Amino acid sequence: PYIYREIDIAFQLPYPNQKFKNYGLNVKIFEALATKTPVIITKSGENADFLAGSNCFLITDREPKNIADKVKYLTDNPELMKKMGENGRKFIKEQFNWELYAEKYKAIIKKYLL
C-alpha cells in the first residue's frame, strides 16, 4: 500500500483484449480505497455493482477520451478527490475489517456448530 502515497488516482481497467468480462473484485482497488486514493473503475466483474458511488468513478467503456475526461475532472477538483478518498477509506473500514468478519464467523459457528 505504500505505493498509493505516490499516486493521485488508481484505475481498474480491463486488459485490452477483454470486453468487460467478469473477473471478480480487484484487490488493488480495495488497497487504493483503504489508503484514501480515489479510483476510476470500469463496469466489469462485480466492481460496478459493489463499488460505484461516492467512493469512485465508474466508466462504462474503454474510450481513452472518457477516461481522460474523468482524470481531468478529478485533478481539476482536488476537494472532490479528497472527499472520494475519505469515502473510500470509510467504506473499507465499515465493510472490510477483521472485527466485522470475526463477528460474522462467530454467528455462523454459533448457529451451525453449537
Protein backbone atom coordinates (compact mmCIF):
# COMPACT_ATOMS: atom_id res chain seq x y z
CA PRO A 1 0.00 0.00 0.00
CA TYR A 2 2.94 2.42 0.37
CA ILE A 3 2.86 2.92 -3.42
CA TYR A 4 -0.51 4.65 -3.14
CA ARG A 5 1.17 7.55 -1.35
CA GLU A 6 2.90 8.29 -4.65
CA ILE A 7 -0.17 8.32 -6.91
CA ASP A 8 -3.19 10.59 -7.16
CA ILE A 9 -5.71 8.25 -8.81
CA ALA A 10 -5.96 4.47 -9.09
CA PHE A 11 -7.53 2.65 -12.03
CA GLN A 12 -9.16 -0.68 -12.62
CA LEU A 13 -9.32 -1.09 -16.36
CA PRO A 14 -9.78 -4.35 -18.28
CA TYR A 15 -6.99 -5.78 -20.37
CA PRO A 16 -7.18 -4.60 -23.99
CA ASN A 17 -8.37 -7.97 -25.27
CA GLN A 18 -11.20 -8.21 -22.73
CA LYS A 19 -14.66 -6.78 -23.28
CA PHE A 20 -15.70 -6.14 -19.68
CA LYS A 21 -15.68 -9.83 -18.81
CA ASN A 22 -16.47 -10.88 -15.29
CA TYR A 23 -13.30 -11.32 -13.33
CA GLY A 24 -14.48 -10.55 -9.84
CA LEU A 25 -13.32 -7.91 -7.44
CA ASN A 26 -9.85 -6.49 -7.80
CA VAL A 27 -7.73 -6.37 -4.63
CA LYS A 28 -5.76 -3.34 -5.79
CA ILE A 29 -8.95 -1.30 -5.77
CA PHE A 30 -9.53 -2.17 -2.12
CA GLU A 31 -5.93 -1.23 -1.34
CA ALA A 32 -6.40 2.13 -3.05
CA LEU A 33 -9.65 2.79 -1.22
CA ALA A 34 -8.06 1.88 2.10
CA THR A 35 -5.30 4.44 1.52
CA LYS A 36 -7.72 7.23 0.55
CA THR A 37 -6.76 7.08 -3.13
CA PRO A 38 -9.70 7.89 -5.43
CA VAL A 39 -10.35 5.25 -8.07
CA ILE A 40 -11.77 5.03 -11.55
CA ILE A 41 -13.31 1.65 -12.34
CA THR A 42 -14.90 0.04 -15.36
CA LYS A 43 -18.20 -1.77 -15.48
CA SER A 44 -16.69 -5.22 -15.20
CA GLY A 45 -16.95 -8.10 -12.84
CA GLU A 46 -18.57 -7.23 -9.56
CA ASN A 47 -16.86 -3.87 -9.31
CA ALA A 48 -19.64 -1.74 -10.74
CA ASP A 49 -22.38 -3.16 -8.53
CA PHE A 50 -20.25 -3.25 -5.44
CA LEU A 51 -18.20 -0.09 -5.60
CA ALA A 52 -19.91 2.54 -7.74
CA GLY A 53 -20.97 5.52 -5.71
CA SER A 54 -19.34 8.28 -3.75
CA ASN A 55 -16.01 6.48 -3.40
CA CYS A 56 -15.13 6.00 -7.09
CA PHE A 57 -15.95 6.97 -10.65
CA LEU A 58 -17.47 4.41 -12.99
CA ILE A 59 -16.77 4.40 -16.71
CA THR A 60 -18.82 2.20 -18.99
CA ASP A 61 -16.40 1.94 -21.90
CA ARG A 62 -12.68 1.96 -22.64
CA GLU A 63 -12.62 5.08 -24.75
CA PRO A 64 -9.42 6.96 -23.90
CA LYS A 65 -11.20 10.32 -24.09
CA ASN A 66 -13.76 9.29 -21.48
CA ILE A 67 -11.02 8.05 -19.16
CA ALA A 68 -9.02 11.24 -19.71
CA ASP A 69 -12.12 13.34 -19.02
CA LYS A 70 -12.61 11.63 -15.65
CA VAL A 71 -8.96 12.09 -14.74
CA LYS A 72 -9.06 15.78 -15.71
CA TYR A 73 -12.30 16.30 -13.80
CA LEU A 74 -10.76 14.80 -10.68
CA THR A 75 -7.48 16.67 -10.93
CA ASP A 76 -9.38 19.93 -11.53
CA ASN A 77 -11.40 19.28 -8.36
CA PRO A 78 -8.98 18.48 -5.53
CA GLU A 79 -11.72 18.74 -2.90
CA LEU A 80 -13.68 16.05 -4.73
CA MET A 81 -10.57 13.87 -4.87
CA LYS A 82 -10.12 14.32 -1.15
CA LYS A 83 -13.77 13.54 -0.44
CA MET A 84 -13.70 10.44 -2.66
CA GLY A 85 -10.58 9.27 -0.84
CA GLU A 86 -12.22 9.77 2.54
CA ASN A 87 -15.38 7.99 1.38
CA GLY A 88 -13.31 5.09 0.09
CA ARG A 89 -11.47 4.73 3.39
CA LYS A 90 -14.74 4.86 5.30
CA PHE A 91 -16.25 2.22 3.01
CA ILE A 92 -13.34 -0.15 3.61
CA LYS A 93 -13.37 0.42 7.38
CA GLU A 94 -17.11 -0.24 7.56
CA GLN A 95 -17.34 -3.16 5.14
CA PHE A 96 -13.98 -4.93 5.37
CA ASN A 97 -12.49 -5.20 8.79
CA TRP A 98 -11.39 -8.11 10.94
CA GLU A 99 -13.83 -7.34 13.73
CA LEU A 100 -16.78 -7.45 11.33
CA TYR A 101 -15.67 -10.75 9.83
CA ALA A 102 -14.95 -12.23 13.24
CA GLU A 103 -18.48 -11.41 14.36
CA LYS A 104 -19.94 -12.92 11.17
CA TYR A 105 -17.93 -16.14 11.61
CA LYS A 106 -18.82 -16.31 15.29
CA ALA A 107 -22.53 -16.07 14.42
CA ILE A 108 -22.18 -18.84 11.82
CA ILE A 109 -20.36 -21.09 14.26
CA LYS A 110 -22.97 -20.50 16.95
CA LYS A 111 -25.81 -21.15 14.54
CA TYR A 112 -24.49 -24.33 12.94
CA LEU A 113 -21.95 -25.87 15.30
CA LEU A 114 -23.01 -25.05 18.85
